[in-house]
Amino acid sequence: MISSIFGASCTRAAVDFATFPDPATDEAPAADAAPKKVVLAGGCFWCTEGVFEQIPGIVDVVSGYAGDSREMAVYEKVSNNQTRHAEVIEVTYDPTRITLGKVLKVFFAVAHDPTTLNRQGPDSGTQYRSAIFFADEEQKRIATEYIAQLNAAGVFAGPIVTTLEPLAEFFPAEQYHQDFVKNNPRQGYVVQQALPKIEKAMKAAAAISATTQPAK
């Protein structure tokens, strides 16, 4: 991603989070439950991590890799498309405050463009693919039905190309990638690619806050 700083911007067709469809199929509301996790791939993990760090109900976000072995989970190999890994984030959320469906709404509406195959902005290759690495059948079902719902509604100009892949293991990325946007707000790629998405995420966060239970 660093080599692509002055490439194409992350501009995409306008999507209004306020009118973006909520998932018709979702988790049951939880009154008291332990945090849950979901692993998502949507291009550069600096950007997707920065987006989800703005969202109410998100407990933690960790950048990493999924889709290949532990030995191949090395940035130099992944970024040069030498592995089957995707750059991903592990999102930990509080199910008493936000559901998996709402997490996926942010993923599709804000975090990335789910209609571009193996590409986000200037970054191309299968390591930048759009994917949901499901941990169980419920995650797979909710994601599958939401994608079908969005495609049927014609929310995007083209079909969603997000793949559903079983999660074998999540591998955290190197420490310097963690909280990259927060720690490097003036870095060139961050300014061009991540900050516009984070601005959209902050607007989404305000909309979510209006219907989200406060933290206990």
N, C-alpha and C. Protein backbone atom coordinates (compact mmCIF):
# COMPACT_ATOMS: atom_id res chain seq x y z
N MET A 1 0.81 -1.22 0.00
CA MET A 1 0.00 0.00 0.00
C MET A 1 0.84 1.26 0.00
N ILE A 2 2.02 1.25 0.65
CA ILE A 2 2.85 2.43 0.71
C ILE A 2 3.28 2.87 -0.68
N SER A 3 3.57 1.90 -1.55
CA SER A 3 4.03 2.23 -2.90
C SER A 3 2.94 2.85 -3.74
N SER A 4 1.69 2.81 -3.28
CA SER A 4 0.56 3.29 -4.07
C SER A 4 0.01 4.63 -3.57
N ILE A 5 0.77 5.32 -2.73
CA ILE A 5 0.25 6.51 -2.07
C ILE A 5 -0.32 7.51 -3.06
N PHE A 6 0.35 7.68 -4.19
CA PHE A 6 -0.11 8.71 -5.11
C PHE A 6 -0.94 8.12 -6.25
N GLY A 7 -1.52 6.94 -6.02
CA GLY A 7 -2.39 6.31 -7.00
C GLY A 7 -3.80 6.85 -6.91
N ALA A 8 -4.73 6.06 -7.42
CA ALA A 8 -6.13 6.49 -7.43
C ALA A 8 -6.65 6.69 -6.03
N SER A 9 -7.58 7.59 -5.90
CA SER A 9 -8.16 7.84 -4.58
C SER A 9 -9.22 6.81 -4.27
N CYS A 10 -9.75 6.88 -3.04
CA CYS A 10 -10.75 5.90 -2.61
C CYS A 10 -12.16 6.34 -2.98
N THR A 11 -12.29 7.35 -3.84
CA THR A 11 -13.61 7.84 -4.20
C THR A 11 -14.48 6.73 -4.77
N ARG A 12 -15.74 6.67 -4.34
CA ARG A 12 -16.67 5.66 -4.80
C ARG A 12 -18.04 6.31 -4.92
N ALA A 13 -18.95 5.61 -5.53
CA ALA A 13 -20.30 6.14 -5.65
C ALA A 13 -20.86 6.45 -4.26
N ALA A 14 -21.56 7.56 -4.15
CA ALA A 14 -22.07 7.99 -2.85
C ALA A 14 -23.06 6.98 -2.29
N VAL A 15 -22.86 6.63 -1.04
CA VAL A 15 -23.77 5.76 -0.32
C VAL A 15 -24.14 6.46 0.97
N ASP A 16 -25.43 6.65 1.20
CA ASP A 16 -25.91 7.34 2.38
C ASP A 16 -26.18 6.32 3.47
N PHE A 17 -25.41 6.35 4.55
CA PHE A 17 -25.57 5.37 5.61
C PHE A 17 -26.96 5.43 6.22
N ALA A 18 -27.51 6.63 6.31
CA ALA A 18 -28.83 6.80 6.95
C ALA A 18 -29.93 6.06 6.19
N THR A 19 -29.81 5.96 4.87
CA THR A 19 -30.83 5.29 4.07
C THR A 19 -30.39 3.90 3.58
N PHE A 20 -29.17 3.51 3.92
CA PHE A 20 -28.66 2.20 3.53
C PHE A 20 -29.48 1.14 4.27
N PRO A 21 -29.91 0.09 3.60
CA PRO A 21 -30.81 -0.88 4.24
C PRO A 21 -30.18 -1.56 5.47
N ASP A 22 -30.95 -1.67 6.53
CA ASP A 22 -30.56 -2.52 7.65
C ASP A 22 -30.74 -3.96 7.23
N PRO A 23 -29.98 -4.89 7.82
CA PRO A 23 -30.15 -6.29 7.45
C PRO A 23 -31.49 -6.84 7.90
N ALA A 24 -32.17 -7.54 7.00
CA ALA A 24 -33.45 -8.16 7.36
C ALA A 24 -33.24 -9.36 8.27
N THR A 25 -32.07 -9.99 8.16
CA THR A 25 -31.71 -11.12 9.01
C THR A 25 -30.55 -10.70 9.89
N ASP A 26 -30.69 -10.90 11.19
CA ASP A 26 -29.65 -10.44 12.11
C ASP A 26 -29.63 -11.32 13.35
N GLU A 27 -28.67 -11.06 14.22
CA GLU A 27 -28.63 -11.74 15.51
C GLU A 27 -29.82 -11.32 16.36
N ALA A 28 -30.20 -12.20 17.26
CA ALA A 28 -31.23 -11.83 18.22
C ALA A 28 -30.65 -10.81 19.20
N PRO A 29 -31.45 -9.84 19.65
CA PRO A 29 -30.95 -8.85 20.62
C PRO A 29 -30.43 -9.54 21.87
N ALA A 30 -29.34 -9.03 22.42
CA ALA A 30 -28.74 -9.62 23.61
C ALA A 30 -28.84 -8.65 24.78
N ALA A 31 -29.33 -9.13 25.90
CA ALA A 31 -29.40 -8.29 27.10
C ALA A 31 -28.12 -8.38 27.90
N ASP A 32 -27.48 -9.52 27.85
CA ASP A 32 -26.25 -9.72 28.62
C ASP A 32 -25.45 -10.81 27.92
N ALA A 33 -24.35 -10.45 27.28
CA ALA A 33 -23.57 -11.43 26.52
C ALA A 33 -22.11 -11.01 26.47
N ALA A 34 -21.25 -12.00 26.30
CA ALA A 34 -19.83 -11.74 26.17
C ALA A 34 -19.54 -11.12 24.81
N PRO A 35 -18.45 -10.37 24.68
CA PRO A 35 -18.09 -9.80 23.38
C PRO A 35 -17.96 -10.87 22.30
N LYS A 36 -18.30 -10.50 21.08
CA LYS A 36 -18.18 -11.39 19.93
C LYS A 36 -17.17 -10.82 18.95
N LYS A 37 -16.70 -11.69 18.02
CA LYS A 37 -15.70 -11.28 17.04
C LYS A 37 -16.15 -11.65 15.64
N VAL A 38 -15.74 -10.83 14.68
CA VAL A 38 -15.92 -11.17 13.27
C VAL A 38 -14.70 -10.65 12.52
N VAL A 39 -14.26 -11.41 11.52
CA VAL A 39 -13.06 -11.05 10.75
C VAL A 39 -13.49 -10.61 9.36
N LEU A 40 -13.08 -9.41 8.97
CA LEU A 40 -13.51 -8.78 7.73
C LEU A 40 -12.32 -8.33 6.90
N ALA A 41 -12.43 -8.48 5.59
CA ALA A 41 -11.40 -8.02 4.65
C ALA A 41 -12.03 -7.03 3.69
N GLY A 42 -11.45 -5.83 3.63
CA GLY A 42 -11.99 -4.81 2.74
C GLY A 42 -10.91 -3.86 2.25
N GLY A 43 -9.83 -4.44 1.72
CA GLY A 43 -8.72 -3.61 1.26
C GLY A 43 -7.71 -3.38 2.37
N CYS A 44 -7.03 -2.25 2.30
CA CYS A 44 -6.00 -1.89 3.27
C CYS A 44 -6.53 -1.94 4.70
N PHE A 45 -5.85 -2.71 5.55
CA PHE A 45 -6.36 -2.80 6.92
C PHE A 45 -6.16 -1.54 7.73
N TRP A 46 -5.28 -0.65 7.29
CA TRP A 46 -5.17 0.65 7.97
C TRP A 46 -6.52 1.37 7.89
N CYS A 47 -7.14 1.32 6.69
CA CYS A 47 -8.40 2.04 6.48
C CYS A 47 -9.56 1.40 7.23
N THR A 48 -9.71 0.09 7.09
CA THR A 48 -10.85 -0.56 7.72
C THR A 48 -10.75 -0.51 9.24
N GLU A 49 -9.53 -0.64 9.77
CA GLU A 49 -9.36 -0.51 11.22
C GLU A 49 -9.79 0.88 11.68
N GLY A 50 -9.34 1.91 10.95
CA GLY A 50 -9.67 3.28 11.32
C GLY A 50 -11.16 3.54 11.30
N VAL A 51 -11.86 2.94 10.34
CA VAL A 51 -13.32 3.10 10.26
C VAL A 51 -13.99 2.51 11.49
N PHE A 52 -13.69 1.26 11.80
CA PHE A 52 -14.41 0.60 12.89
C PHE A 52 -14.04 1.12 14.27
N GLU A 53 -12.91 1.76 14.38
CA GLU A 53 -12.56 2.36 15.67
C GLU A 53 -13.47 3.53 16.03
N GLN A 54 -14.24 4.02 15.07
CA GLN A 54 -15.15 5.15 15.32
C GLN A 54 -16.55 4.69 15.76
N ILE A 55 -16.85 3.41 15.63
CA ILE A 55 -18.22 2.94 15.72
C ILE A 55 -18.63 2.55 17.14
N PRO A 56 -19.74 3.08 17.66
CA PRO A 56 -20.22 2.70 19.00
C PRO A 56 -20.50 1.21 19.09
N GLY A 57 -20.13 0.61 20.21
CA GLY A 57 -20.35 -0.80 20.41
C GLY A 57 -19.17 -1.67 20.01
N ILE A 58 -18.19 -1.08 19.31
CA ILE A 58 -16.98 -1.81 18.95
C ILE A 58 -16.02 -1.74 20.12
N VAL A 59 -15.60 -2.91 20.58
CA VAL A 59 -14.72 -3.01 21.75
C VAL A 59 -13.26 -2.91 21.36
N ASP A 60 -12.90 -3.54 20.24
CA ASP A 60 -11.49 -3.57 19.83
C ASP A 60 -11.42 -3.89 18.34
N VAL A 61 -10.37 -3.40 17.70
CA VAL A 61 -10.11 -3.71 16.29
C VAL A 61 -8.62 -4.02 16.15
N VAL A 62 -8.31 -5.16 15.55
CA VAL A 62 -6.92 -5.57 15.37
C VAL A 62 -6.68 -5.86 13.90
N SER A 63 -5.64 -5.27 13.32
CA SER A 63 -5.27 -5.55 11.94
C SER A 63 -4.52 -6.86 11.86
N GLY A 64 -4.73 -7.60 10.77
CA GLY A 64 -4.05 -8.88 10.65
C GLY A 64 -4.25 -9.53 9.30
N TYR A 65 -4.09 -10.85 9.28
CA TYR A 65 -4.15 -11.62 8.06
C TYR A 65 -5.01 -12.86 8.27
N ALA A 66 -5.70 -13.31 7.21
CA ALA A 66 -6.47 -14.55 7.25
C ALA A 66 -6.52 -15.13 5.85
N GLY A 67 -6.56 -16.47 5.79
CA GLY A 67 -6.68 -17.14 4.51
C GLY A 67 -5.54 -18.05 4.15
N ASP A 68 -4.47 -18.06 4.95
CA ASP A 68 -3.32 -18.91 4.67
C ASP A 68 -2.69 -19.31 6.00
N SER A 69 -1.47 -19.79 5.96
CA SER A 69 -0.82 -20.35 7.14
C SER A 69 -0.16 -19.29 8.01
N ARG A 70 0.20 -19.69 9.22
CA ARG A 70 0.92 -18.81 10.14
C ARG A 70 2.26 -18.38 9.54
N GLU A 71 2.93 -19.31 8.88
CA GLU A 71 4.25 -19.01 8.31
C GLU A 71 4.18 -17.93 7.23
N MET A 72 3.05 -17.86 6.55
CA MET A 72 2.90 -16.88 5.46
C MET A 72 2.32 -15.56 5.92
N ALA A 73 1.97 -15.46 7.20
CA ALA A 73 1.35 -14.23 7.73
C ALA A 73 2.41 -13.19 8.05
N VAL A 74 3.07 -12.71 7.00
CA VAL A 74 4.15 -11.72 7.10
C VAL A 74 3.85 -10.62 6.10
N TYR A 75 3.92 -9.37 6.53
CA TYR A 75 3.49 -8.26 5.68
C TYR A 75 4.21 -8.23 4.34
N GLU A 76 5.51 -8.46 4.34
CA GLU A 76 6.27 -8.39 3.09
C GLU A 76 5.76 -9.41 2.08
N LYS A 77 5.33 -10.58 2.55
CA LYS A 77 4.80 -11.61 1.65
C LYS A 77 3.37 -11.30 1.25
N VAL A 78 2.55 -10.91 2.22
CA VAL A 78 1.14 -10.64 1.93
C VAL A 78 1.00 -9.45 0.98
N SER A 79 1.71 -8.37 1.26
CA SER A 79 1.56 -7.15 0.46
C SER A 79 2.07 -7.33 -0.96
N ASN A 80 2.95 -8.31 -1.18
CA ASN A 80 3.46 -8.59 -2.52
C ASN A 80 2.70 -9.74 -3.19
N ASN A 81 1.54 -10.10 -2.62
CA ASN A 81 0.66 -11.10 -3.20
C ASN A 81 1.36 -12.44 -3.39
N GLN A 82 2.14 -12.82 -2.38
CA GLN A 82 2.84 -14.10 -2.42
C GLN A 82 2.13 -15.16 -1.57
N THR A 83 0.96 -14.83 -1.05
CA THR A 83 0.23 -15.75 -0.18
C THR A 83 -1.24 -15.76 -0.57
N ARG A 84 -2.00 -16.61 0.12
CA ARG A 84 -3.46 -16.62 -0.05
C ARG A 84 -4.14 -15.75 1.00
N HIS A 85 -3.36 -15.11 1.84
CA HIS A 85 -3.92 -14.26 2.88
C HIS A 85 -4.60 -13.03 2.28
N ALA A 86 -5.56 -12.50 3.03
CA ALA A 86 -6.10 -11.16 2.79
C ALA A 86 -5.72 -10.29 3.98
N GLU A 87 -5.55 -9.00 3.74
CA GLU A 87 -5.43 -8.06 4.85
C GLU A 87 -6.81 -7.97 5.49
N VAL A 88 -6.89 -8.21 6.79
CA VAL A 88 -8.18 -8.26 7.47
C VAL A 88 -8.12 -7.47 8.78
N ILE A 89 -9.28 -7.29 9.35
CA ILE A 89 -9.38 -6.79 10.72
C ILE A 89 -10.24 -7.75 11.53
N GLU A 90 -9.84 -7.96 12.75
CA GLU A 90 -10.66 -8.71 13.70
C GLU A 90 -11.43 -7.69 14.53
N VAL A 91 -12.74 -7.66 14.35
CA VAL A 91 -13.59 -6.70 15.04
C VAL A 91 -14.24 -7.39 16.24
N THR A 92 -13.97 -6.86 17.42
CA THR A 92 -14.63 -7.35 18.63
C THR A 92 -15.73 -6.36 18.99
N TYR A 93 -16.96 -6.87 19.15
CA TYR A 93 -18.08 -5.98 19.42
C TYR A 93 -18.90 -6.46 20.61
N ASP A 94 -19.59 -5.52 21.20
CA ASP A 94 -20.46 -5.78 22.34
C ASP A 94 -21.87 -6.06 21.81
N PRO A 95 -22.34 -7.31 21.85
CA PRO A 95 -23.64 -7.63 21.26
C PRO A 95 -24.83 -7.05 22.01
N THR A 96 -24.59 -6.46 23.17
CA THR A 96 -25.68 -5.75 23.86
C THR A 96 -25.84 -4.34 23.31
N ARG A 97 -24.88 -3.89 22.50
CA ARG A 97 -24.91 -2.53 21.97
C ARG A 97 -25.02 -2.48 20.45
N ILE A 98 -24.45 -3.48 19.78
CA ILE A 98 -24.48 -3.50 18.31
C ILE A 98 -24.52 -4.95 17.86
N THR A 99 -25.25 -5.21 16.80
CA THR A 99 -25.39 -6.57 16.29
C THR A 99 -24.40 -6.82 15.15
N LEU A 100 -24.24 -8.10 14.80
CA LEU A 100 -23.40 -8.44 13.65
C LEU A 100 -23.94 -7.77 12.39
N GLY A 101 -25.24 -7.74 12.23
CA GLY A 101 -25.82 -7.11 11.05
C GLY A 101 -25.44 -5.65 10.92
N LYS A 102 -25.45 -4.93 12.05
CA LYS A 102 -25.07 -3.51 12.01
C LYS A 102 -23.57 -3.35 11.74
N VAL A 103 -22.77 -4.30 12.25
CA VAL A 103 -21.34 -4.29 11.92
C VAL A 103 -21.16 -4.46 10.41
N LEU A 104 -21.91 -5.37 9.83
CA LEU A 104 -21.81 -5.60 8.39
C LEU A 104 -22.35 -4.41 7.59
N LYS A 105 -23.32 -3.71 8.14
CA LYS A 105 -23.82 -2.51 7.47
C LYS A 105 -22.70 -1.48 7.34
N VAL A 106 -21.93 -1.29 8.39
CA VAL A 106 -20.78 -0.38 8.34
C VAL A 106 -19.76 -0.88 7.32
N PHE A 107 -19.52 -2.19 7.33
CA PHE A 107 -18.57 -2.81 6.41
C PHE A 107 -18.95 -2.52 4.95
N PHE A 108 -20.21 -2.71 4.60
CA PHE A 108 -20.64 -2.53 3.22
C PHE A 108 -20.85 -1.06 2.84
N ALA A 109 -21.37 -0.27 3.77
CA ALA A 109 -21.75 1.11 3.44
C ALA A 109 -20.62 2.10 3.59
N VAL A 110 -19.65 1.81 4.46
CA VAL A 110 -18.64 2.80 4.80
C VAL A 110 -17.21 2.32 4.58
N ALA A 111 -16.90 1.12 5.05
CA ALA A 111 -15.51 0.69 5.15
C ALA A 111 -14.82 0.45 3.82
N HIS A 112 -15.60 0.04 2.80
CA HIS A 112 -14.96 -0.28 1.52
C HIS A 112 -16.02 -0.36 0.43
N ASP A 113 -15.57 -0.57 -0.79
CA ASP A 113 -16.48 -0.77 -1.92
C ASP A 113 -16.56 -2.27 -2.19
N PRO A 114 -17.69 -2.90 -1.89
CA PRO A 114 -17.79 -4.34 -2.05
C PRO A 114 -18.05 -4.80 -3.48
N THR A 115 -17.99 -3.88 -4.45
CA THR A 115 -18.26 -4.25 -5.84
C THR A 115 -17.00 -4.30 -6.69
N THR A 116 -15.84 -4.00 -6.12
CA THR A 116 -14.60 -4.03 -6.90
C THR A 116 -13.85 -5.31 -6.57
N LEU A 117 -13.53 -6.09 -7.58
CA LEU A 117 -12.91 -7.40 -7.40
C LEU A 117 -11.41 -7.26 -7.17
N ASN A 118 -10.95 -7.72 -6.01
CA ASN A 118 -9.52 -7.73 -5.68
C ASN A 118 -8.88 -6.35 -5.82
N ARG A 119 -9.64 -5.34 -5.43
CA ARG A 119 -9.10 -3.97 -5.53
C ARG A 119 -9.87 -3.04 -4.61
N GLN A 120 -9.13 -2.15 -3.94
CA GLN A 120 -9.72 -1.03 -3.21
C GLN A 120 -8.85 0.18 -3.47
N GLY A 121 -9.43 1.21 -4.11
CA GLY A 121 -8.65 2.40 -4.43
C GLY A 121 -7.42 2.03 -5.24
N PRO A 122 -6.22 2.44 -4.79
CA PRO A 122 -5.01 2.16 -5.54
C PRO A 122 -4.44 0.77 -5.30
N ASP A 123 -5.01 0.03 -4.36
CA ASP A 123 -4.44 -1.25 -3.95
C ASP A 123 -5.11 -2.40 -4.69
N SER A 124 -4.33 -3.22 -5.39
CA SER A 124 -4.91 -4.33 -6.14
C SER A 124 -4.19 -5.63 -5.82
N GLY A 125 -4.91 -6.72 -6.00
CA GLY A 125 -4.39 -8.05 -5.69
C GLY A 125 -5.37 -8.77 -4.78
N THR A 126 -5.27 -10.09 -4.73
CA THR A 126 -6.21 -10.86 -3.92
C THR A 126 -6.07 -10.56 -2.43
N GLN A 127 -4.92 -10.02 -2.03
CA GLN A 127 -4.75 -9.67 -0.62
C GLN A 127 -5.64 -8.50 -0.21
N TYR A 128 -6.19 -7.79 -1.19
CA TYR A 128 -7.09 -6.67 -0.93
C TYR A 128 -8.54 -7.01 -1.29
N ARG A 129 -8.85 -8.29 -1.37
CA ARG A 129 -10.20 -8.71 -1.74
C ARG A 129 -11.21 -8.36 -0.65
N SER A 130 -12.45 -8.28 -1.07
CA SER A 130 -13.56 -8.09 -0.13
C SER A 130 -14.01 -9.47 0.33
N ALA A 131 -13.97 -9.70 1.66
CA ALA A 131 -14.31 -11.04 2.17
C ALA A 131 -14.80 -10.95 3.60
N ILE A 132 -15.66 -11.88 3.94
CA ILE A 132 -16.09 -12.08 5.32
C ILE A 132 -15.63 -13.48 5.71
N PHE A 133 -14.76 -13.56 6.70
CA PHE A 133 -14.27 -14.84 7.18
C PHE A 133 -15.16 -15.28 8.34
N PHE A 134 -16.12 -16.15 8.02
CA PHE A 134 -17.12 -16.51 9.02
C PHE A 134 -16.58 -17.57 9.99
N ALA A 135 -16.91 -17.39 11.27
CA ALA A 135 -16.46 -18.31 12.31
C ALA A 135 -17.46 -19.42 12.58
N ASP A 136 -18.72 -19.22 12.18
CA ASP A 136 -19.75 -20.23 12.43
C ASP A 136 -20.87 -20.07 11.41
N GLU A 137 -21.83 -20.97 11.48
CA GLU A 137 -22.91 -20.96 10.49
C GLU A 137 -23.82 -19.76 10.64
N GLU A 138 -23.97 -19.23 11.85
CA GLU A 138 -24.81 -18.05 12.02
C GLU A 138 -24.20 -16.85 11.30
N GLN A 139 -22.90 -16.64 11.46
CA GLN A 139 -22.24 -15.55 10.75
C GLN A 139 -22.39 -15.72 9.25
N LYS A 140 -22.20 -16.93 8.77
CA LYS A 140 -22.32 -17.20 7.33
C LYS A 140 -23.74 -16.90 6.85
N ARG A 141 -24.74 -17.33 7.60
CA ARG A 141 -26.13 -17.12 7.21
C ARG A 141 -26.48 -15.64 7.16
N ILE A 142 -26.12 -14.91 8.19
CA ILE A 142 -26.44 -13.48 8.25
C ILE A 142 -25.77 -12.74 7.10
N ALA A 143 -24.49 -13.03 6.85
CA ALA A 143 -23.77 -12.37 5.77
C ALA A 143 -24.34 -12.74 4.40
N THR A 144 -24.63 -14.02 4.20
CA THR A 144 -25.17 -14.47 2.91
C THR A 144 -26.50 -13.78 2.61
N GLU A 145 -27.37 -13.74 3.59
CA GLU A 145 -28.69 -13.16 3.36
C GLU A 145 -28.63 -11.64 3.20
N TYR A 146 -27.68 -11.00 3.88
CA TYR A 146 -27.55 -9.55 3.72
C TYR A 146 -27.03 -9.20 2.34
N ILE A 147 -26.05 -9.96 1.85
CA ILE A 147 -25.54 -9.72 0.50
C ILE A 147 -26.67 -9.90 -0.53
N ALA A 148 -27.45 -10.95 -0.37
CA ALA A 148 -28.57 -11.18 -1.30
C ALA A 148 -29.58 -10.04 -1.22
N GLN A 149 -29.84 -9.56 -0.02
CA GLN A 149 -30.78 -8.45 0.18
C GLN A 149 -30.29 -7.19 -0.52
N LEU A 150 -29.00 -6.86 -0.34
CA LEU A 150 -28.45 -5.64 -0.94
C LEU A 150 -28.41 -5.74 -2.46
N ASN A 151 -28.07 -6.92 -2.98
CA ASN A 151 -28.07 -7.10 -4.44
C ASN A 151 -29.48 -6.98 -5.00
N ALA A 152 -30.45 -7.58 -4.32
CA ALA A 152 -31.84 -7.53 -4.80
C ALA A 152 -32.38 -6.12 -4.80
N ALA A 153 -31.93 -5.31 -3.84
CA ALA A 153 -32.39 -3.93 -3.73
C ALA A 153 -31.65 -3.00 -4.69
N GLY A 154 -30.61 -3.49 -5.34
CA GLY A 154 -29.85 -2.65 -6.26
C GLY A 154 -29.18 -1.48 -5.58
N VAL A 155 -28.68 -1.70 -4.38
CA VAL A 155 -28.06 -0.62 -3.59
C VAL A 155 -26.83 -0.08 -4.30
N PHE A 156 -26.07 -0.96 -4.93
CA PHE A 156 -24.87 -0.55 -5.64
C PHE A 156 -25.09 -0.66 -7.14
N ALA A 157 -24.25 0.04 -7.90
CA ALA A 157 -24.39 0.02 -9.36
C ALA A 157 -24.06 -1.36 -9.94
N GLY A 158 -23.20 -2.10 -9.24
CA GLY A 158 -22.83 -3.43 -9.68
C GLY A 158 -23.04 -4.45 -8.58
N PRO A 159 -22.89 -5.73 -8.90
CA PRO A 159 -23.10 -6.77 -7.90
C PRO A 159 -22.00 -6.78 -6.85
N ILE A 160 -22.33 -7.19 -5.66
CA ILE A 160 -21.37 -7.35 -4.58
C ILE A 160 -20.50 -8.57 -4.87
N VAL A 161 -19.18 -8.41 -4.75
CA VAL A 161 -18.25 -9.51 -5.05
C VAL A 161 -17.62 -10.08 -3.78
N THR A 162 -18.10 -9.67 -2.63
CA THR A 162 -17.57 -10.14 -1.35
C THR A 162 -17.67 -11.66 -1.26
N THR A 163 -16.55 -12.29 -0.92
CA THR A 163 -16.55 -13.73 -0.75
C THR A 163 -16.82 -14.09 0.71
N LEU A 164 -17.40 -15.27 0.92
CA LEU A 164 -17.58 -15.80 2.26
C LEU A 164 -16.62 -16.97 2.41
N GLU A 165 -15.70 -16.85 3.35
CA GLU A 165 -14.65 -17.85 3.52
C GLU A 165 -14.62 -18.31 4.97
N PRO A 166 -14.53 -19.62 5.20
CA PRO A 166 -14.44 -20.10 6.58
C PRO A 166 -13.16 -19.63 7.24
N LEU A 167 -13.28 -19.17 8.47
CA LEU A 167 -12.11 -18.68 9.21
C LEU A 167 -11.38 -19.86 9.82
N ALA A 168 -10.14 -20.09 9.35
CA ALA A 168 -9.30 -21.12 9.97
C ALA A 168 -8.57 -20.53 11.17
N GLU A 169 -7.95 -19.39 10.94
CA GLU A 169 -7.24 -18.71 12.03
C GLU A 169 -6.97 -17.27 11.64
N PHE A 170 -7.01 -16.39 12.62
CA PHE A 170 -6.67 -14.99 12.44
C PHE A 170 -5.26 -14.77 12.99
N PHE A 171 -4.43 -14.07 12.21
CA PHE A 171 -3.06 -13.78 12.62
C PHE A 171 -2.87 -12.28 12.75
N PRO A 172 -2.63 -11.74 13.95
CA PRO A 172 -2.39 -10.30 14.09
C PRO A 172 -1.22 -9.85 13.24
N ALA A 173 -1.35 -8.67 12.65
CA ALA A 173 -0.26 -8.09 11.87
C ALA A 173 0.83 -7.55 12.80
N GLU A 174 1.93 -7.17 12.20
CA GLU A 174 3.04 -6.61 12.94
C GLU A 174 2.59 -5.39 13.73
N GLN A 175 3.25 -5.12 14.84
CA GLN A 175 2.80 -4.08 15.77
C GLN A 175 2.70 -2.71 15.12
N TYR A 176 3.59 -2.40 14.19
CA TYR A 176 3.56 -1.06 13.60
C TYR A 176 2.33 -0.81 12.75
N HIS A 177 1.61 -1.87 12.40
CA HIS A 177 0.36 -1.69 11.65
C HIS A 177 -0.83 -1.37 12.56
N GLN A 178 -0.73 -1.68 13.83
CA GLN A 178 -1.86 -1.50 14.74
C GLN A 178 -2.08 -0.01 15.02
N ASP A 179 -3.37 0.41 14.97
CA ASP A 179 -3.72 1.83 15.18
C ASP A 179 -2.92 2.74 14.25
N PHE A 180 -2.71 2.30 13.02
CA PHE A 180 -1.82 3.05 12.12
C PHE A 180 -2.35 4.44 11.82
N VAL A 181 -3.63 4.55 11.56
CA VAL A 181 -4.20 5.87 11.24
C VAL A 181 -4.09 6.80 12.45
N LYS A 182 -4.43 6.28 13.60
CA LYS A 182 -4.36 7.07 14.82
C LYS A 182 -2.94 7.56 15.11
N ASN A 183 -1.96 6.71 14.83
CA ASN A 183 -0.57 7.04 15.12
C ASN A 183 0.13 7.80 14.00
N ASN A 184 -0.47 7.80 12.80
CA ASN A 184 0.18 8.44 11.65
C ASN A 184 -0.83 9.26 10.85
N PRO A 185 -1.49 10.24 11.48
CA PRO A 185 -2.59 10.95 10.82
C PRO A 185 -2.16 11.80 9.62
N ARG A 186 -0.87 12.09 9.49
CA ARG A 186 -0.41 12.94 8.39
C ARG A 186 0.33 12.16 7.32
N GLN A 187 0.42 10.85 7.48
CA GLN A 187 1.07 10.03 6.47
C GLN A 187 0.30 10.12 5.16
N GLY A 188 0.99 10.13 4.03
CA GLY A 188 0.35 10.41 2.75
C GLY A 188 -0.80 9.50 2.40
N TYR A 189 -0.63 8.21 2.52
CA TYR A 189 -1.69 7.26 2.21
C TYR A 189 -2.88 7.46 3.13
N VAL A 190 -2.60 7.70 4.40
CA VAL A 190 -3.67 7.91 5.38
C VAL A 190 -4.51 9.12 5.00
N VAL A 191 -3.85 10.21 4.66
CA VAL A 191 -4.57 11.44 4.30
C VAL A 191 -5.44 11.21 3.07
N GLN A 192 -4.89 10.54 2.07
CA GLN A 192 -5.63 10.38 0.81
C GLN A 192 -6.70 9.30 0.87
N GLN A 193 -6.39 8.17 1.52
CA GLN A 193 -7.27 7.02 1.45
C GLN A 193 -8.10 6.79 2.71
N ALA A 194 -7.49 6.95 3.88
CA ALA A 194 -8.18 6.56 5.12
C ALA A 194 -9.07 7.67 5.69
N LEU A 195 -8.57 8.89 5.70
CA LEU A 195 -9.32 9.96 6.38
C LEU A 195 -10.70 10.22 5.77
N PRO A 196 -10.87 10.16 4.43
CA PRO A 196 -12.23 10.34 3.90
C PRO A 196 -13.19 9.26 4.39
N LYS A 197 -12.71 8.02 4.54
CA LYS A 197 -13.56 6.96 5.04
C LYS A 197 -13.89 7.17 6.52
N ILE A 198 -12.91 7.67 7.26
CA ILE A 198 -13.14 7.90 8.68
C ILE A 198 -14.14 9.02 8.89
N GLU A 199 -14.12 10.01 8.01
CA GLU A 199 -15.12 11.07 8.08
C GLU A 199 -16.53 10.49 7.88
N LYS A 200 -16.67 9.58 6.93
CA LYS A 200 -17.95 8.90 6.71
C LYS A 200 -18.32 8.04 7.92
N ALA A 201 -17.31 7.41 8.52
CA ALA A 201 -17.55 6.55 9.68
C ALA A 201 -18.06 7.35 10.87
N MET A 202 -17.56 8.56 11.03
CA MET A 202 -18.00 9.40 12.14
C MET A 202 -19.46 9.79 11.96
N LYS A 203 -19.89 10.02 10.72
CA LYS A 203 -21.30 10.32 10.46
C LYS A 203 -22.15 9.08 10.73
N ALA A 204 -21.64 7.91 10.33
CA ALA A 204 -22.36 6.67 10.61
C ALA A 204 -22.44 6.43 12.11
N ALA A 205 -21.37 6.75 12.82
CA ALA A 205 -21.35 6.56 14.27
C ALA A 205 -22.43 7.40 14.95
N ALA A 206 -22.63 8.60 14.46
CA ALA A 206 -23.68 9.45 15.04
C ALA A 206 -25.05 8.84 14.83
N ALA A 207 -25.27 8.26 13.65
CA ALA A 207 -26.57 7.62 13.36
C ALA A 207 -26.76 6.38 14.22
N ILE A 208 -25.69 5.61 14.40
CA ILE A 208 -25.77 4.40 15.22
C ILE A 208 -25.99 4.76 16.68
N SER A 209 -25.33 5.81 17.13
CA SER A 209 -25.46 6.23 18.53
C SER A 209 -26.90 6.53 18.92
N ALA A 210 -27.67 7.02 17.94
CA ALA A 210 -29.06 7.38 18.23
C ALA A 210 -29.91 6.17 18.58
N THR A 211 -29.46 4.97 18.18
CA THR A 211 -30.24 3.77 18.45
C THR A 211 -29.44 2.72 19.22
N THR A 212 -28.33 3.13 19.81
CA THR A 212 -27.43 2.21 20.50
C THR A 212 -27.50 2.42 22.01
N GLN A 213 -27.55 1.34 22.74
CA GLN A 213 -27.53 1.42 24.20
C GLN A 213 -26.16 1.94 24.66
N PRO A 214 -26.11 2.78 25.69
CA PRO A 214 -24.82 3.26 26.19
C PRO A 214 -24.03 2.13 26.81
N ALA A 215 -22.72 2.31 26.84
CA ALA A 215 -21.85 1.29 27.45
C ALA A 215 -22.16 1.16 28.93
N LYS A 216 -22.11 -0.09 29.42
CA LYS A 216 -22.39 -0.32 30.84
C LYS A 216 -21.15 -0.10 31.68
